[in-house]
PDB file of N, CA and C in Angstrom:
ATOM      1  N   MET A   1    -285.319  70.697  21.473  1.00  0.00           N
ATOM      2  CA  MET A   1    -286.377  71.382  21.024  1.00  0.00           C
ATOM      3  C   MET A   1    -285.577  72.594  20.164  1.00  0.00           C
ATOM      4  N   PRO A   2    -285.956  72.344  18.836  1.00  0.00           N
ATOM      5  CA  PRO A   2    -285.259  73.407  18.049  1.00  0.00           C
ATOM      6  C   PRO A   2    -285.778  74.839  18.217  1.00  0.00           C
ATOM      7  N   PHE A   3    -285.079  75.840  17.886  1.00  0.00           N
ATOM      8  CA  PHE A   3    -285.066  77.128  18.013  1.00  0.00           C
ATOM      9  C   PHE A   3    -285.937  77.843  16.748  1.00  0.00           C
ATOM     10  N   ASP A   4    -286.482  79.296  17.087  1.00  0.00           N
ATOM     11  CA  ASP A   4    -287.392  79.604  16.219  1.00  0.00           C
ATOM     12  C   ASP A   4    -286.191  80.538  15.117  1.00  0.00           C
ATOM     13  N   VAL A   5    -285.198  80.873  15.998  1.00  0.00           N
ATOM     14  CA  VAL A   5    -284.006  81.764  15.320  1.00  0.00           C
ATOM     15  C   VAL A   5    -282.944  81.336  15.916  1.00  0.00           C
ATOM     16  N   LEU A   6    -281.772  81.177  14.990  1.00  0.00           N
ATOM     17  CA  LEU A   6    -280.414  80.627  15.385  1.00  0.00           C
ATOM     18  C   LEU A   6    -279.601  81.877  14.748  1.00  0.00           C
ATOM     19  N   VAL A   7    -278.829  82.392  15.658  1.00  0.00           N
ATOM     20  CA  VAL A   7    -277.888  83.323  14.891  1.00  0.00           C
ATOM     21  C   VAL A   7    -276.413  82.711  15.327  1.00  0.00           C
ATOM     22  N   ARG A   8    -275.649  82.477  14.362  1.00  0.00           N
ATOM     23  CA  ARG A   8    -274.502  81.532  14.221  1.00  0.00           C
ATOM     24  C   ARG A   8    -273.235  82.490  14.169  1.00  0.00           C
ATOM     25  N   ASN A   9    -272.272  82.158  14.992  1.00  0.00           N
ATOM     26  CA  ASN A   9    -270.794  82.812  14.863  1.00  0.00           C
ATOM     27  C   ASN A   9    -270.842  84.283  15.143  1.00  0.00           C
ATOM     28  N   ALA A  10    -271.741  84.559  16.209  1.00  0.00           N
ATOM     29  CA  ALA A  10    -271.687  86.306  16.203  1.00  0.00           C
ATOM     30  C   ALA A  10    -270.483  86.419  17.379  1.00  0.00           C
ATOM     31  N   ARG A  11    -270.136  87.753  17.142  1.00  0.00           N
ATOM     32  CA  ARG A  11    -269.012  88.215  18.292  1.00  0.00           C
ATOM     33  C   ARG A  11    -270.043  88.887  19.288  1.00  0.00           C
ATOM     34  N   VAL A  12    -270.144  88.041  20.230  1.00  0.00           N
ATOM     35  CA  VAL A  12    -271.322  88.563  21.584  1.00  0.00           C
ATOM     36  C   VAL A  12    -270.428  89.342  22.615  1.00  0.00           C
ATOM     37  N   LEU A  13    -270.789  90.487  22.626  1.00  0.00           N
ATOM     38  CA  LEU A  13    -270.595  91.469  23.799  1.00  0.00           C
ATOM     39  C   LEU A  13    -271.688  91.419  25.050  1.00  0.00           C
ATOM     40  N   ASP A  14    -271.140  91.015  25.926  1.00  0.00           N
ATOM     41  CA  ASP A  14    -272.185  90.687  27.183  1.00  0.00           C
ATOM     42  C   ASP A  14    -272.485  91.857  27.915  1.00  0.00           C
ATOM     43  N   GLY A  15    -271.769  93.069  27.876  1.00  0.00           N
ATOM     44  CA  GLY A  15    -272.236  94.096  28.851  1.00  0.00           C
ATOM     45  C   GLY A  15    -271.295  94.197  29.894  1.00  0.00           C
ATOM     46  N   THR A  16    -270.349  93.245  30.256  1.00  0.00           N
ATOM     47  CA  THR A  16    -269.617  92.952  31.678  1.00  0.00           C
ATOM     48  C   THR A  16    -268.360  93.733  31.390  1.00  0.00           C
ATOM     49  N   GLY A  17    -267.927  94.222  30.247  1.00  0.00           N
ATOM     50  CA  GLY A  17    -266.419  94.823  29.796  1.00  0.00           C
ATOM     51  C   GLY A  17    -265.716  93.934  29.498  1.00  0.00           C
ATOM     52  N   THR A  18    -265.924  92.382  29.605  1.00  0.00           N
ATOM     53  CA  THR A  18    -265.022  91.421  29.014  1.00  0.00           C
ATOM     54  C   THR A  18    -264.775  91.678  27.700  1.00  0.00           C
ATOM     55  N   PRO A  19    -263.903  90.943  26.970  1.00  0.00           N
ATOM     56  CA  PRO A  19    -263.730  90.893  25.308  1.00  0.00           C
ATOM     57  C   PRO A  19    -264.934  90.132  24.848  1.00  0.00           C
ATOM     58  N   TRP A  20    -265.403  90.435  23.724  1.00  0.00           N
ATOM     59  CA  TRP A  20    -266.398  89.744  23.022  1.00  0.00           C
ATOM     60  C   TRP A  20    -265.996  88.225  22.773  1.00  0.00           C
ATOM     61  N   LYS A  21    -266.520  87.408  22.604  1.00  0.00           N
ATOM     62  CA  LYS A  21    -266.595  85.957  22.250  1.00  0.00           C
ATOM     63  C   LYS A  21    -267.317  85.402  21.256  1.00  0.00           C
ATOM     64  N   VAL A  22    -266.936  84.542  20.364  1.00  0.00           N
ATOM     65  CA  VAL A  22    -267.909  84.139  19.199  1.00  0.00           C
ATOM     66  C   VAL A  22    -268.705  82.980  19.962  1.00  0.00           C
ATOM     67  N   HIS A  23    -269.841  82.921  19.708  1.00  0.00           N
ATOM     68  CA  HIS A  23    -270.963  82.435  20.154  1.00  0.00           C
ATOM     69  C   HIS A  23    -272.308  82.157  19.161  1.00  0.00           C
ATOM     70  N   ASP A  24    -273.098  81.405  19.494  1.00  0.00           N
ATOM     71  CA  ASP A  24    -274.273  81.113  18.844  1.00  0.00           C
ATOM     72  C   ASP A  24    -275.446  81.512  19.523  1.00  0.00           C
ATOM     73  N   ILE A  25    -276.699  82.303  19.270  1.00  0.00           N
ATOM     74  CA  ILE A  25    -277.738  82.673  20.156  1.00  0.00           C
ATOM     75  C   ILE A  25    -278.936  81.738  19.718  1.00  0.00           C
ATOM     76  N   GLY A  26    -279.411  81.245  20.341  1.00  0.00           N
ATOM     77  CA  GLY A  26    -280.631  80.485  20.264  1.00  0.00           C
ATOM     78  C   GLY A  26    -281.993  81.296  20.694  1.00  0.00           C
ATOM     79  N   ILE A  27    -282.805  81.485  19.815  1.00  0.00           N
ATOM     80  CA  ILE A  27    -284.083  82.453  20.129  1.00  0.00           C
ATOM     81  C   ILE A  27    -285.234  81.481  20.286  1.00  0.00           C
ATOM     82  N   ARG A  28    -286.095  81.529  20.806  1.00  0.00           N
ATOM     83  CA  ARG A  28    -287.374  80.827  21.034  1.00  0.00           C
ATOM     84  C   ARG A  28    -288.430  81.862  21.501  1.00  0.00           C
ATOM     85  N   ARG A  29    -289.599  81.835  20.671  1.00  0.00           N
ATOM     86  CA  ARG A  29    -290.725  82.721  21.341  1.00  0.00           C
ATOM     87  C   ARG A  29    -290.295  84.028  21.547  1.00  0.00           C
ATOM     88  N   GLY A  30    -289.493  84.645  20.720  1.00  0.00           N
ATOM     89  CA  GLY A  30    -289.018  86.000  20.794  1.00  0.00           C
ATOM     90  C   GLY A  30    -288.067  86.470  21.977  1.00  0.00           C
ATOM     91  N   ARG A  31    -287.705  85.118  22.936  1.00  0.00           N
ATOM     92  CA  ARG A  31    -286.618  85.457  23.850  1.00  0.00           C
ATOM     93  C   ARG A  31    -285.190  84.710  23.813  1.00  0.00           C
ATOM     94  N   ILE A  32    -284.293  85.233  24.093  1.00  0.00           N
ATOM     95  CA  ILE A  32    -282.934  84.376  24.170  1.00  0.00           C
ATOM     96  C   ILE A  32    -283.022  83.310  24.886  1.00  0.00           C
ATOM     97  N   ALA A  33    -283.065  82.297  24.229  1.00  0.00           N
ATOM     98  CA  ALA A  33    -283.254  80.745  24.977  1.00  0.00           C
ATOM     99  C   ALA A  33    -281.901  80.149  25.539  1.00  0.00           C
ATOM    100  N   GLN A  34    -280.822  80.591  24.368  1.00  0.00           N
ATOM    101  CA  GLN A  34    -279.333  79.822  24.946  1.00  0.00           C
ATOM    102  C   GLN A  34    -278.260  80.835  24.133  1.00  0.00           C
ATOM    103  N   VAL A  35    -277.249  80.875  24.689  1.00  0.00           N
ATOM    104  CA  VAL A  35    -276.122  81.350  24.076  1.00  0.00           C
ATOM    105  C   VAL A  35    -274.857  80.510  24.362  1.00  0.00           C
ATOM    106  N   GLY A  36    -274.059  80.120  23.328  1.00  0.00           N
ATOM    107  CA  GLY A  36    -273.153  79.271  23.583  1.00  0.00           C
ATOM    108  C   GLY A  36    -272.793  78.706  22.194  1.00  0.00           C
ATOM    109  N   ARG A  37    -272.128  77.393  22.179  1.00  0.00           N
ATOM    110  CA  ARG A  37    -271.613  76.711  20.876  1.00  0.00           C
ATOM    111  C   ARG A  37    -272.935  75.855  20.667  1.00  0.00           C
ATOM    112  N   LEU A  38    -273.885  76.321  19.748  1.00  0.00           N
ATOM    113  CA  LEU A  38    -274.927  75.488  19.453  1.00  0.00           C
ATOM    114  C   LEU A  38    -274.704  74.709  18.236  1.00  0.00           C
ATOM    115  N   ASN A  39    -273.788  74.079  17.974  1.00  0.00           N
ATOM    116  CA  ASN A  39    -273.352  73.555  16.610  1.00  0.00           C
ATOM    117  C   ASN A  39    -274.429  72.457  15.980  1.00  0.00           C
ATOM    118  N   ARG A  40    -275.079  71.762  17.019  1.00  0.00           N
ATOM    119  CA  ARG A  40    -275.997  70.648  16.582  1.00  0.00           C
ATOM    120  C   ARG A  40    -277.453  71.145  16.762  1.00  0.00           C
ATOM    121  N   SER A  41    -277.777  72.418  16.936  1.00  0.00           N
ATOM    122  CA  SER A  41    -279.071  73.155  17.233  1.00  0.00           C
ATOM    123  C   SER A  41    -279.667  73.243  15.709  1.00  0.00           C
ATOM    124  N   LYS A  42    -280.926  73.322  15.576  1.00  0.00           N
ATOM    125  CA  LYS A  42    -281.558  73.565  14.437  1.00  0.00           C
ATOM    126  C   LYS A  42    -282.585  74.749  14.741  1.00  0.00           C
ATOM    127  N   ALA A  43    -282.925  75.565  13.624  1.00  0.00           N
ATOM    128  CA  ALA A  43    -283.957  76.443  13.616  1.00  0.00           C
ATOM    129  C   ALA A  43    -284.654  76.680  12.449  1.00  0.00           C
ATOM    130  N   ALA A  44    -285.923  77.205  12.487  1.00  0.00           N
ATOM    131  CA  ALA A  44    -286.615  77.561  11.595  1.00  0.00           C
ATOM    132  C   ALA A  44    -285.988  78.572  10.601  1.00  0.00           C
ATOM    133  N   VAL A  45    -285.370  79.730  11.161  1.00  0.00           N
ATOM    134  CA  VAL A  45    -284.430  80.678  10.528  1.00  0.00           C
ATOM    135  C   VAL A  45    -283.082  80.513  11.085  1.00  0.00           C
ATOM    136  N   GLU A  46    -282.097  80.629  10.371  1.00  0.00           N
ATOM    137  CA  GLU A  46    -280.724  80.553  10.829  1.00  0.00           C
ATOM    138  C   GLU A  46    -280.027  82.209  10.285  1.00  0.00           C
ATOM    139  N   ILE A  47    -279.248  82.789  10.976  1.00  0.00           N
ATOM    140  CA  ILE A  47    -278.787  83.926  10.447  1.00  0.00           C
ATOM    141  C   ILE A  47    -277.210  83.726  10.800  1.00  0.00           C
ATOM    142  N   GLU A  48    -276.424  83.846   9.735  1.00  0.00           N
ATOM    143  CA  GLU A  48    -274.883  83.685   9.762  1.00  0.00           C
ATOM    144  C   GLU A  48    -274.555  85.169  10.151  1.00  0.00           C
ATOM    145  N   ALA A  49    -273.655  85.357  11.362  1.00  0.00           N
ATOM    146  CA  ALA A  49    -273.403  86.625  11.956  1.00  0.00           C
ATOM    147  C   ALA A  49    -271.766  86.639  12.023  1.00  0.00           C
ATOM    148  N   ALA A  50    -270.933  85.740  11.322  1.00  0.00           N
ATOM    149  CA  ALA A  50    -269.515  85.880  11.296  1.00  0.00           C
ATOM    150  C   ALA A  50    -269.131  87.272  11.112  1.00  0.00           C
ATOM    151  N   GLY A  51    -268.201  87.703  11.886  1.00  0.00           N
ATOM    152  CA  GLY A  51    -267.661  89.039  11.734  1.00  0.00           C
ATOM    153  C   GLY A  51    -268.621  90.143  12.363  1.00  0.00           C
ATOM    154  N   LYS A  52    -269.871  89.789  12.722  1.00  0.00           N
ATOM    155  CA  LYS A  52    -270.699  90.798  13.156  1.00  0.00           C
ATOM    156  C   LYS A  52    -270.743  90.717  14.975  1.00  0.00           C
ATOM    157  N   TYR A  53    -271.136  92.025  15.495  1.00  0.00           N
ATOM    158  CA  TYR A  53    -271.122  91.817  16.493  1.00  0.00           C
ATOM    159  C   TYR A  53    -272.706  92.099  17.357  1.00  0.00           C
ATOM    160  N   VAL A  54    -272.844  91.185  18.332  1.00  0.00           N
ATOM    161  CA  VAL A  54    -274.270  91.068  18.686  1.00  0.00           C
ATOM    162  C   VAL A  54    -274.166  91.441  20.153  1.00  0.00           C
ATOM    163  N   ALA A  55    -274.967  92.277  20.777  1.00  0.00           N
ATOM    164  CA  ALA A  55    -275.019  92.512  22.181  1.00  0.00           C
ATOM    165  C   ALA A  55    -276.515  92.149  22.792  1.00  0.00           C
ATOM    166  N   PRO A  56    -276.742  91.210  22.995  1.00  0.00           N
ATOM    167  CA  PRO A  56    -278.182  90.751  23.364  1.00  0.00           C
ATOM    168  C   PRO A  56    -278.579  91.204  24.609  1.00  0.00           C
ATOM    169  N   GLY A  57    -279.453  91.837  24.828  1.00  0.00           N
ATOM    170  CA  GLY A  57    -280.212  92.080  26.271  1.00  0.00           C
ATOM    171  C   GLY A  57    -279.893  93.648  26.490  1.00  0.00           C
ATOM    172  N   PHE A  58    -279.078  94.279  25.844  1.00  0.00           N
ATOM    173  CA  PHE A  58    -278.650  95.745  26.267  1.00  0.00           C
ATOM    174  C   PHE A  58    -279.993  96.627  26.348  1.00  0.00           C
ATOM    175  N   ILE A  59    -279.814  97.493  27.404  1.00  0.00           N
ATOM    176  CA  ILE A  59    -281.078  98.285  27.790  1.00  0.00           C
ATOM    177  C   ILE A  59    -280.403  99.754  27.725  1.00  0.00           C
ATOM    178  N   ASP A  60    -280.844 100.468  26.888  1.00  0.00           N
ATOM    179  CA  ASP A  60    -280.546 101.941  27.049  1.00  0.00           C
ATOM    180  C   ASP A  60    -281.303 102.877  28.244  1.00  0.00           C
ATOM    181  N   ILE A  61    -280.768 103.286  29.163  1.00  0.00           N
ATOM    182  CA  ILE A  61    -281.110 104.074  30.132  1.00  0.00           C
ATOM    183  C   ILE A  61    -280.769 105.461  29.849  1.00  0.00           C
ATOM    184  N   HIS A  62    -280.408 105.920  28.832  1.00  0.00           N
ATOM    185  CA  HIS A  62    -280.244 107.202  28.547  1.00  0.00           C
ATOM    186  C   HIS A  62    -280.701 107.733  27.250  1.00  0.00           C
ATOM    187  N   THR A  63    -281.762 108.116  26.861  1.00  0.00           N
ATOM    188  CA  THR A  63    -282.182 108.796  25.542  1.00  0.00           C
ATOM    189  C   THR A  63    -282.596 110.119  25.789  1.00  0.00           C
ATOM    190  N   HIS A  64    -282.716 110.540  24.430  1.00  0.00           N
ATOM    191  CA  HIS A  64    -283.497 111.881  24.563  1.00  0.00           C
ATOM    192  C   HIS A  64    -284.923 112.036  23.843  1.00  0.00           C
ATOM    193  N   SER A  65    -285.563 110.834  23.854  1.00  0.00           N
ATOM    194  CA  SER A  65    -286.704 110.543  23.322  1.00  0.00           C
ATOM    195  C   SER A  65    -287.981 111.038  23.958  1.00  0.00           C
ATOM    196  N   ASP A  66    -287.862 111.900  24.848  1.00  0.00           N
ATOM    197  CA  ASP A  66    -289.026 112.475  25.813  1.00  0.00           C
ATOM    198  C   ASP A  66    -290.092 112.777  25.134  1.00  0.00           C
ATOM    199  N   VAL A  67    -289.964 113.683  24.048  1.00  0.00           N
ATOM    200  CA  VAL A  67    -291.178 114.071  23.352  1.00  0.00           C
ATOM    201  C   VAL A  67    -291.552 113.103  22.291  1.00  0.00           C
ATOM    202  N   GLY A  68    -290.687 112.241  21.721  1.00  0.00           N
ATOM    203  CA  GLY A  68    -291.031 111.206  20.894  1.00  0.00           C
ATOM    204  C   GLY A  68    -291.627 110.129  21.525  1.00  0.00           C
ATOM    205  N   ILE A  69    -291.666 109.946  22.477  1.00  0.00           N
ATOM    206  CA  ILE A  69    -292.448 108.869  23.064  1.00  0.00           C
ATOM    207  C   ILE A  69    -294.120 109.275  23.172  1.00  0.00           C
ATOM    208  N   LEU A  70    -294.172 110.597  23.556  1.00  0.00           N
ATOM    209  CA  LEU A  70    -295.282 110.968  23.630  1.00  0.00           C
ATOM    210  C   LEU A  70    -296.205 111.019  22.094  1.00  0.00           C
ATOM    211  N   VAL A  71    -295.412 111.494  21.190  1.00  0.00           N
ATOM    212  CA  VAL A  71    -295.725 111.421  19.826  1.00  0.00           C
ATOM    213  C   VAL A  71    -296.102 109.746  19.165  1.00  0.00           C
ATOM    214  N   ASP A  72    -295.111 108.925  19.492  1.00  0.00           N
ATOM    215  CA  ASP A  72    -295.344 107.509  19.213  1.00  0.00           C
ATOM    216  C   ASP A  72    -294.913 106.500  20.490  1.00  0.00           C
ATOM    217  N   PRO A  73    -295.945 106.165  21.083  1.00  0.00           N
ATOM    218  CA  PRO A  73    -295.824 105.528  22.464  1.00  0.00           C
ATOM    219  C   PRO A  73    -295.252 104.042  22.030  1.00  0.00           C
ATOM    220  N   THR A  74    -295.175 103.764  20.862  1.00  0.00           N
ATOM    221  CA  THR A  74    -294.270 102.443  20.516  1.00  0.00           C
ATOM    222  C   THR A  74    -292.721 102.740  20.378  1.00  0.00           C
ATOM    223  N   ALA A  75    -292.605 104.055  20.593  1.00  0.00           N
ATOM    224  CA  ALA A  75    -290.929 104.282  20.481  1.00  0.00           C
ATOM    225  C   ALA A  75    -290.439 103.720  19.169  1.00  0.00           C
ATOM    226  N   GLU A  76    -291.055 103.906  18.484  1.00  0.00           N
ATOM    227  CA  GLU A  76    -290.366 103.377  16.955  1.00  0.00           C
ATOM    228  C   GLU A  76    -289.072 103.661  16.700  1.00  0.00           C
ATOM    229  N   SER A  77    -288.959 105.242  16.700  1.00  0.00           N
ATOM    230  CA  SER A  77    -287.787 105.850  16.197  1.00  0.00           C
ATOM    231  C   SER A  77    -286.530 105.398  17.359  1.00  0.00           C
ATOM    232  N   ALA A  78    -286.883 105.094  18.532  1.00  0.00           N
ATOM    233  CA  ALA A  78    -285.544 104.528  19.537  1.00  0.00           C
ATOM    234  C   ALA A  78    -285.416 103.204  19.175  1.00  0.00           C
ATOM    235  N   VAL A  79    -286.259 102.461  19.020  1.00  0.00           N
ATOM    236  CA  VAL A  79    -286.136 101.012  18.925  1.00  0.00           C
ATOM    237  C   VAL A  79    -285.418 100.884  17.468  1.00  0.00           C
ATOM    238  N   ARG A  80    -285.646 101.591  16.520  1.00  0.00           N
ATOM    239  CA  ARG A  80    -284.817 101.432  15.199  1.00  0.00           C
ATOM    240  C   ARG A  80    -283.227 101.816  15.397  1.00  0.00           C
ATOM    241  N   GLN A  81    -282.914 102.785  16.634  1.00  0.00           N
ATOM    242  CA  GLN A  81    -281.822 103.194  16.455  1.00  0.00           C
ATOM    243  C   GLN A  81    -280.908 102.097  17.594  1.00  0.00           C
ATOM    244  N   GLY A  82    -281.654 101.305  18.209  1.00  0.00           N
ATOM    245  CA  GLY A  82    -281.096 100.474  18.920  1.00  0.00           C
ATOM    246  C   GLY A  82    -281.539 100.531  20.691  1.00  0.00           C
ATOM    247  N   ALA A  83    -282.151 101.527  20.666  1.00  0.00           N
ATOM    248  CA  ALA A  83    -282.511 101.681  22.218  1.00  0.00           C
ATOM    249  C   ALA A  83    -283.700 100.776  22.694  1.00  0.00           C
ATOM    250  N   THR A  84    -283.683  99.798  23.791  1.00  0.00           N
ATOM    251  CA  THR A  84    -284.714  99.002  24.118  1.00  0.00           C
ATOM    252  C   THR A  84    -285.219  99.407  25.634  1.00  0.00           C
TER     253      THR A  84
END
């Protein structure tokens, strides 16, 4: 089954403290479906990320957006800075 988005050749940081590894990231219906070498996979949109770092699934548990979330419940300012 093809992916909606395929990020190719990214330096993936998994949050465990181990060194980054070059992987592809397959995304389907807005969620990470697979990470690894997806050489034969296809997608509607492919993003070449060679030399770029990707940290899928990180969650920021410490921000100072207390007031911002009251002003904008979608947390647009936090999301644009990488907080999820």
